[in-house]
Amino acid sequence: MTLADLAPGYEAAAELLRRRLAYLRRELQKAQTAEEIFHLKRRIAELSPMLTEMNELAELTAHYYDRGYYRSEKYTL
């Protein structure tokens, strides 16, 4: 298995996170109590960095072996 083989998995995980975040944002618009709003905002804040990371990893793994592809220093040793 190569890194390029992992890219579709990261893309699928990112799509699931996008859908969940969209759902939570819709629920936040309907929220009425301060407690409900707090919990929804907290969950959105927890999932947003995960989505960013999934997108970055999907990009990195999809193009890792491409000649001339700039690899983020965040994911190199």
PDB file of N, CA and C in Angstrom:
ATOM      1  N   MET A   1       0.844  -1.179   0.000  1.00  0.00           N
ATOM      2  CA  MET A   1       0.000   0.000   0.000  1.00  0.00           C
ATOM      3  C   MET A   1       0.889   1.241   0.000  1.00  0.00           C
ATOM      4  N   THR A   2       0.560   2.181  -0.844  1.00  0.00           N
ATOM      5  CA  THR A   2       1.306   3.435  -0.909  1.00  0.00           C
ATOM      6  C   THR A   2       0.482   4.557  -0.280  1.00  0.00           C
ATOM      7  N   LEU A   3       1.118   5.698  -0.096  1.00  0.00           N
ATOM      8  CA  LEU A   3       0.393   6.844   0.444  1.00  0.00           C
ATOM      9  C   LEU A   3      -0.740   7.261  -0.484  1.00  0.00           C
ATOM     10  N   ALA A   4      -0.534   7.130  -1.774  1.00  0.00           N
ATOM     11  CA  ALA A   4      -1.584   7.489  -2.733  1.00  0.00           C
ATOM     12  C   ALA A   4      -2.833   6.627  -2.539  1.00  0.00           C
ATOM     13  N   ASP A   5      -2.654   5.409  -2.065  1.00  0.00           N
ATOM     14  CA  ASP A   5      -3.798   4.533  -1.809  1.00  0.00           C
ATOM     15  C   ASP A   5      -4.622   4.994  -0.606  1.00  0.00           C
ATOM     16  N   LEU A   6      -4.014   5.785   0.263  1.00  0.00           N
ATOM     17  CA  LEU A   6      -4.715   6.271   1.457  1.00  0.00           C
ATOM     18  C   LEU A   6      -5.580   7.497   1.174  1.00  0.00           C
ATOM     19  N   ALA A   7      -5.296   8.206   0.099  1.00  0.00           N
ATOM     20  CA  ALA A   7      -5.988   9.462  -0.200  1.00  0.00           C
ATOM     21  C   ALA A   7      -7.511   9.333  -0.243  1.00  0.00           C
ATOM     22  N   PRO A   8      -8.084   8.320  -0.905  1.00  0.00           N
ATOM     23  CA  PRO A   8      -9.549   8.227  -0.922  1.00  0.00           C
ATOM     24  C   PRO A   8     -10.170   8.077   0.470  1.00  0.00           C
ATOM     25  N   GLY A   9      -9.473   7.407   1.358  1.00  0.00           N
ATOM     26  CA  GLY A   9      -9.978   7.273   2.730  1.00  0.00           C
ATOM     27  C   GLY A   9     -10.027   8.607   3.445  1.00  0.00           C
ATOM     28  N   TYR A  10      -8.979   9.406   3.257  1.00  0.00           N
ATOM     29  CA  TYR A  10      -8.972  10.737   3.861  1.00  0.00           C
ATOM     30  C   TYR A  10     -10.050  11.623   3.242  1.00  0.00           C
ATOM     31  N   GLU A  11     -10.241  11.508   1.936  1.00  0.00           N
ATOM     32  CA  GLU A  11     -11.280  12.296   1.271  1.00  0.00           C
ATOM     33  C   GLU A  11     -12.675  11.909   1.769  1.00  0.00           C
ATOM     34  N   ALA A  12     -12.893  10.622   1.975  1.00  0.00           N
ATOM     35  CA  ALA A  12     -14.190  10.158   2.489  1.00  0.00           C
ATOM     36  C   ALA A  12     -14.415  10.651   3.914  1.00  0.00           C
ATOM     37  N   ALA A  13     -13.372  10.602   4.727  1.00  0.00           N
ATOM     38  CA  ALA A  13     -13.498  11.082   6.106  1.00  0.00           C
ATOM     39  C   ALA A  13     -13.772  12.583   6.123  1.00  0.00           C
ATOM     40  N   ALA A  14     -13.122  13.322   5.226  1.00  0.00           N
ATOM     41  CA  ALA A  14     -13.348  14.767   5.143  1.00  0.00           C
ATOM     42  C   ALA A  14     -14.793  15.066   4.740  1.00  0.00           C
ATOM     43  N   GLU A  15     -15.331  14.281   3.829  1.00  0.00           N
ATOM     44  CA  GLU A  15     -16.720  14.490   3.405  1.00  0.00           C
ATOM     45  C   GLU A  15     -17.685  14.251   4.568  1.00  0.00           C
ATOM     46  N   LEU A  16     -17.438  13.218   5.346  1.00  0.00           N
ATOM     47  CA  LEU A  16     -18.282  12.955   6.518  1.00  0.00           C
ATOM     48  C   LEU A  16     -18.206  14.109   7.519  1.00  0.00           C
ATOM     49  N   LEU A  17     -17.020  14.618   7.732  1.00  0.00           N
ATOM     50  CA  LEU A  17     -16.869  15.757   8.640  1.00  0.00           C
ATOM     51  C   LEU A  17     -17.569  17.001   8.091  1.00  0.00           C
ATOM     52  N   ARG A  18     -17.467  17.235   6.778  1.00  0.00           N
ATOM     53  CA  ARG A  18     -18.163  18.380   6.165  1.00  0.00           C
ATOM     54  C   ARG A  18     -19.673  18.283   6.393  1.00  0.00           C
ATOM     55  N   ARG A  19     -20.207  17.101   6.193  1.00  0.00           N
ATOM     56  CA  ARG A  19     -21.655  16.907   6.383  1.00  0.00           C
ATOM     57  C   ARG A  19     -22.060  17.124   7.838  1.00  0.00           C
ATOM     58  N   ARG A  20     -21.253  16.595   8.747  1.00  0.00           N
ATOM     59  CA  ARG A  20     -21.562  16.746  10.172  1.00  0.00           C
ATOM     60  C   ARG A  20     -21.491  18.212  10.579  1.00  0.00           C
ATOM     61  N   LEU A  21     -20.484  18.918  10.106  1.00  0.00           N
ATOM     62  CA  LEU A  21     -20.371  20.337  10.436  1.00  0.00           C
ATOM     63  C   LEU A  21     -21.536  21.138   9.864  1.00  0.00           C
ATOM     64  N   ALA A  22     -21.961  20.814   8.670  1.00  0.00           N
ATOM     65  CA  ALA A  22     -23.112  21.498   8.075  1.00  0.00           C
ATOM     66  C   ALA A  22     -24.363  21.252   8.918  1.00  0.00           C
ATOM     67  N   TYR A  23     -24.532  20.017   9.361  1.00  0.00           N
ATOM     68  CA  TYR A  23     -25.679  19.681  10.217  1.00  0.00           C
ATOM     69  C   TYR A  23     -25.622  20.466  11.531  1.00  0.00           C
ATOM     70  N   LEU A  24     -24.442  20.488  12.156  1.00  0.00           N
ATOM     71  CA  LEU A  24     -24.303  21.200  13.429  1.00  0.00           C
ATOM     72  C   LEU A  24     -24.553  22.696  13.263  1.00  0.00           C
ATOM     73  N   ARG A  25     -24.133  23.263  12.136  1.00  0.00           N
ATOM     74  CA  ARG A  25     -24.370  24.691  11.893  1.00  0.00           C
ATOM     75  C   ARG A  25     -25.857  24.982  11.693  1.00  0.00           C
ATOM     76  N   ARG A  26     -26.562  24.056  11.037  1.00  0.00           N
ATOM     77  CA  ARG A  26     -28.020  24.224  10.896  1.00  0.00           C
ATOM     78  C   ARG A  26     -28.701  24.132  12.266  1.00  0.00           C
ATOM     79  N   GLU A  27     -28.245  23.185  13.077  1.00  0.00           N
ATOM     80  CA  GLU A  27     -28.811  23.042  14.414  1.00  0.00           C
ATOM     81  C   GLU A  27     -28.511  24.267  15.270  1.00  0.00           C
ATOM     82  N   LEU A  28     -27.344  24.852  15.078  1.00  0.00           N
ATOM     83  CA  LEU A  28     -26.980  26.048  15.832  1.00  0.00           C
ATOM     84  C   LEU A  28     -27.928  27.205  15.510  1.00  0.00           C
ATOM     85  N   GLN A  29     -28.351  27.313  14.265  1.00  0.00           N
ATOM     86  CA  GLN A  29     -29.289  28.374  13.890  1.00  0.00           C
ATOM     87  C   GLN A  29     -30.652  28.169  14.556  1.00  0.00           C
ATOM     88  N   LYS A  30     -31.005  26.908  14.810  1.00  0.00           N
ATOM     89  CA  LYS A  30     -32.301  26.610  15.431  1.00  0.00           C
ATOM     90  C   LYS A  30     -32.232  26.575  16.957  1.00  0.00           C
ATOM     91  N   ALA A  31     -31.016  26.545  17.511  1.00  0.00           N
ATOM     92  CA  ALA A  31     -30.845  26.400  18.958  1.00  0.00           C
ATOM     93  C   ALA A  31     -31.487  27.569  19.696  1.00  0.00           C
ATOM     94  N   GLN A  32     -32.059  27.246  20.852  1.00  0.00           N
ATOM     95  CA  GLN A  32     -32.772  28.268  21.607  1.00  0.00           C
ATOM     96  C   GLN A  32     -32.147  28.550  22.966  1.00  0.00           C
ATOM     97  N   THR A  33     -31.599  27.538  23.606  1.00  0.00           N
ATOM     98  CA  THR A  33     -31.044  27.752  24.945  1.00  0.00           C
ATOM     99  C   THR A  33     -29.545  28.027  24.856  1.00  0.00           C
ATOM    100  N   ALA A  34     -29.047  28.743  25.849  1.00  0.00           N
ATOM    101  CA  ALA A  34     -27.620  29.068  25.896  1.00  0.00           C
ATOM    102  C   ALA A  34     -26.779  27.800  26.012  1.00  0.00           C
ATOM    103  N   GLU A  35     -27.274  26.824  26.743  1.00  0.00           N
ATOM    104  CA  GLU A  35     -26.546  25.566  26.915  1.00  0.00           C
ATOM    105  C   GLU A  35     -26.430  24.817  25.586  1.00  0.00           C
ATOM    106  N   GLU A  36     -27.519  24.784  24.859  1.00  0.00           N
ATOM    107  CA  GLU A  36     -27.532  24.128  23.547  1.00  0.00           C
ATOM    108  C   GLU A  36     -26.555  24.821  22.584  1.00  0.00           C
ATOM    109  N   ILE A  37     -26.587  26.137  22.581  1.00  0.00           N
ATOM    110  CA  ILE A  37     -25.693  26.914  21.726  1.00  0.00           C
ATOM    111  C   ILE A  37     -24.245  26.648  22.105  1.00  0.00           C
ATOM    112  N   PHE A  38     -23.954  26.631  23.398  1.00  0.00           N
ATOM    113  CA  PHE A  38     -22.600  26.381  23.868  1.00  0.00           C
ATOM    114  C   PHE A  38     -22.089  25.023  23.396  1.00  0.00           C
ATOM    115  N   HIS A  39     -22.882  23.985  23.562  1.00  0.00           N
ATOM    116  CA  HIS A  39     -22.461  22.642  23.179  1.00  0.00           C
ATOM    117  C   HIS A  39     -22.268  22.509  21.661  1.00  0.00           C
ATOM    118  N   LEU A  40     -23.147  23.122  20.895  1.00  0.00           N
ATOM    119  CA  LEU A  40     -23.005  23.062  19.437  1.00  0.00           C
ATOM    120  C   LEU A  40     -21.753  23.808  18.971  1.00  0.00           C
ATOM    121  N   LYS A  41     -21.508  24.988  19.533  1.00  0.00           N
ATOM    122  CA  LYS A  41     -20.312  25.748  19.162  1.00  0.00           C
ATOM    123  C   LYS A  41     -19.042  24.997  19.559  1.00  0.00           C
ATOM    124  N   ARG A  42     -19.088  24.355  20.702  1.00  0.00           N
ATOM    125  CA  ARG A  42     -17.932  23.587  21.167  1.00  0.00           C
ATOM    126  C   ARG A  42     -17.647  22.415  20.230  1.00  0.00           C
ATOM    127  N   ARG A  43     -18.699  21.718  19.819  1.00  0.00           N
ATOM    128  CA  ARG A  43     -18.522  20.577  18.917  1.00  0.00           C
ATOM    129  C   ARG A  43     -18.011  21.037  17.550  1.00  0.00           C
ATOM    130  N   ILE A  44     -18.526  22.148  17.059  1.00  0.00           N
ATOM    131  CA  ILE A  44     -18.061  22.705  15.796  1.00  0.00           C
ATOM    132  C   ILE A  44     -16.584  23.076  15.910  1.00  0.00           C
ATOM    133  N   ALA A  45     -16.201  23.679  17.035  1.00  0.00           N
ATOM    134  CA  ALA A  45     -14.801  24.064  17.242  1.00  0.00           C
ATOM    135  C   ALA A  45     -13.893  22.844  17.311  1.00  0.00           C
ATOM    136  N   GLU A  46     -14.393  21.729  17.811  1.00  0.00           N
ATOM    137  CA  GLU A  46     -13.589  20.502  17.884  1.00  0.00           C
ATOM    138  C   GLU A  46     -13.438  19.842  16.518  1.00  0.00           C
ATOM    139  N   LEU A  47     -14.486  19.875  15.708  1.00  0.00           N
ATOM    140  CA  LEU A  47     -14.460  19.185  14.416  1.00  0.00           C
ATOM    141  C   LEU A  47     -13.792  19.984  13.300  1.00  0.00           C
ATOM    142  N   SER A  48     -13.806  21.287  13.392  1.00  0.00           N
ATOM    143  CA  SER A  48     -13.233  22.123  12.327  1.00  0.00           C
ATOM    144  C   SER A  48     -11.749  21.845  12.079  1.00  0.00           C
ATOM    145  N   PRO A  49     -10.914  21.769  13.127  1.00  0.00           N
ATOM    146  CA  PRO A  49      -9.503  21.437  12.866  1.00  0.00           C
ATOM    147  C   PRO A  49      -9.325  20.030  12.290  1.00  0.00           C
ATOM    148  N   MET A  50     -10.209  19.119  12.657  1.00  0.00           N
ATOM    149  CA  MET A  50     -10.136  17.761  12.103  1.00  0.00           C
ATOM    150  C   MET A  50     -10.389  17.789  10.603  1.00  0.00           C
ATOM    151  N   LEU A  51     -11.355  18.598  10.175  1.00  0.00           N
ATOM    152  CA  LEU A  51     -11.654  18.708   8.748  1.00  0.00           C
ATOM    153  C   LEU A  51     -10.458  19.300   8.004  1.00  0.00           C
ATOM    154  N   THR A  52      -9.865  20.324   8.568  1.00  0.00           N
ATOM    155  CA  THR A  52      -8.686  20.928   7.946  1.00  0.00           C
ATOM    156  C   THR A  52      -7.577  19.893   7.783  1.00  0.00           C
ATOM    157  N   GLU A  53      -7.347  19.118   8.820  1.00  0.00           N
ATOM    158  CA  GLU A  53      -6.294  18.106   8.765  1.00  0.00           C
ATOM    159  C   GLU A  53      -6.617  17.002   7.755  1.00  0.00           C
ATOM    160  N   MET A  54      -7.872  16.575   7.696  1.00  0.00           N
ATOM    161  CA  MET A  54      -8.251  15.549   6.715  1.00  0.00           C
ATOM    162  C   MET A  54      -8.029  16.058   5.294  1.00  0.00           C
ATOM    163  N   ASN A  55      -8.390  17.322   5.041  1.00  0.00           N
ATOM    164  CA  ASN A  55      -8.170  17.901   3.715  1.00  0.00           C
ATOM    165  C   ASN A  55      -6.683  17.970   3.381  1.00  0.00           C
ATOM    166  N   GLU A  56      -5.877  18.380   4.352  1.00  0.00           N
ATOM    167  CA  GLU A  56      -4.433  18.462   4.126  1.00  0.00           C
ATOM    168  C   GLU A  56      -3.843  17.079   3.857  1.00  0.00           C
ATOM    169  N   LEU A  57      -4.264  16.085   4.635  1.00  0.00           N
ATOM    170  CA  LEU A  57      -3.733  14.733   4.459  1.00  0.00           C
ATOM    171  C   LEU A  57      -4.199  14.110   3.146  1.00  0.00           C
ATOM    172  N   ALA A  58      -5.421  14.397   2.755  1.00  0.00           N
ATOM    173  CA  ALA A  58      -5.913  13.887   1.473  1.00  0.00           C
ATOM    174  C   ALA A  58      -5.081  14.466   0.333  1.00  0.00           C
ATOM    175  N   GLU A  59      -4.799  15.750   0.398  1.00  0.00           N
ATOM    176  CA  GLU A  59      -3.975  16.413  -0.620  1.00  0.00           C
ATOM    177  C   GLU A  59      -2.553  15.851  -0.622  1.00  0.00           C
ATOM    178  N   LEU A  60      -1.973  15.733   0.562  1.00  0.00           N
ATOM    179  CA  LEU A  60      -0.603  15.244   0.672  1.00  0.00           C
ATOM    180  C   LEU A  60      -0.473  13.820   0.144  1.00  0.00           C
ATOM    181  N   THR A  61      -1.359  12.939   0.569  1.00  0.00           N
ATOM    182  CA  THR A  61      -1.241  11.538   0.162  1.00  0.00           C
ATOM    183  C   THR A  61      -1.570  11.351  -1.319  1.00  0.00           C
ATOM    184  N   ALA A  62      -2.472  12.152  -1.848  1.00  0.00           N
ATOM    185  CA  ALA A  62      -2.836  12.027  -3.263  1.00  0.00           C
ATOM    186  C   ALA A  62      -1.684  12.436  -4.175  1.00  0.00           C
ATOM    187  N   HIS A  63      -0.888  13.399  -3.735  1.00  0.00           N
ATOM    188  CA  HIS A  63       0.151  13.955  -4.614  1.00  0.00           C
ATOM    189  C   HIS A  63       1.567  13.722  -4.108  1.00  0.00           C
ATOM    190  N   TYR A  64       1.722  12.907  -3.105  1.00  0.00           N
ATOM    191  CA  TYR A  64       3.024  12.713  -2.473  1.00  0.00           C
ATOM    192  C   TYR A  64       4.099  12.292  -3.466  1.00  0.00           C
ATOM    193  N   TYR A  65       3.745  11.441  -4.400  1.00  0.00           N
ATOM    194  CA  TYR A  65       4.729  10.917  -5.335  1.00  0.00           C
ATOM    195  C   TYR A  65       4.850  11.735  -6.631  1.00  0.00           C
ATOM    196  N   ASP A  66       4.050  12.793  -6.756  1.00  0.00           N
ATOM    197  CA  ASP A  66       4.125  13.633  -7.955  1.00  0.00           C
ATOM    198  C   ASP A  66       5.427  14.422  -7.951  1.00  0.00           C
ATOM    199  N   ARG A  67       6.075  14.427  -9.080  1.00  0.00           N
ATOM    200  CA  ARG A  67       7.320  15.181  -9.215  1.00  0.00           C
ATOM    201  C   ARG A  67       7.020  16.672  -9.053  1.00  0.00           C
ATOM    202  N   GLY A  68       7.808  17.326  -8.234  1.00  0.00           N
ATOM    203  CA  GLY A  68       7.655  18.760  -8.046  1.00  0.00           C
ATOM    204  C   GLY A  68       6.586  19.160  -7.049  1.00  0.00           C
ATOM    205  N   TYR A  69       5.908  18.202  -6.432  1.00  0.00           N
ATOM    206  CA  TYR A  69       4.861  18.541  -5.464  1.00  0.00           C
ATOM    207  C   TYR A  69       5.509  19.064  -4.187  1.00  0.00           C
ATOM    208  N   TYR A  70       5.046  20.203  -3.709  1.00  0.00           N
ATOM    209  CA  TYR A  70       5.569  20.780  -2.478  1.00  0.00           C
ATOM    210  C   TYR A  70       4.912  20.090  -1.296  1.00  0.00           C
ATOM    211  N   ARG A  71       5.714  19.461  -0.467  1.00  0.00           N
ATOM    212  CA  ARG A  71       5.200  18.776   0.719  1.00  0.00           C
ATOM    213  C   ARG A  71       5.248  19.729   1.914  1.00  0.00           C
ATOM    214  N   SER A  72       4.159  19.802   2.602  1.00  0.00           N
ATOM    215  CA  SER A  72       4.071  20.663   3.777  1.00  0.00           C
ATOM    216  C   SER A  72       5.082  20.212   4.826  1.00  0.00           C
ATOM    217  N   GLU A  73       5.752  21.147   5.430  1.00  0.00           N
ATOM    218  CA  GLU A  73       6.698  20.822   6.502  1.00  0.00           C
ATOM    219  C   GLU A  73       5.977  20.286   7.739  1.00  0.00           C
ATOM    220  N   LYS A  74       4.709  20.516   7.814  1.00  0.00           N
ATOM    221  CA  LYS A  74       3.924  20.046   8.947  1.00  0.00           C
ATOM    222  C   LYS A  74       3.928  18.511   9.030  1.00  0.00           C
ATOM    223  N   TYR A  75       4.025  17.843   7.900  1.00  0.00           N
ATOM    224  CA  TYR A  75       3.932  16.384   7.872  1.00  0.00           C
ATOM    225  C   TYR A  75       5.242  15.704   7.491  1.00  0.00           C
ATOM    226  N   THR A  76       6.351  16.384   7.640  1.00  0.00           N
ATOM    227  CA  THR A  76       7.632  15.749   7.358  1.00  0.00           C
ATOM    228  C   THR A  76       8.448  15.665   8.638  1.00  0.00           C
ATOM    229  N   LEU A  77       9.328  14.723   8.680  1.00  0.00           N
ATOM    230  CA  LEU A  77      10.165  14.533   9.868  1.00  0.00           C
ATOM    231  C   LEU A  77      11.453  15.300   9.759  1.00  0.00           C
TER     232      LEU A  77
END
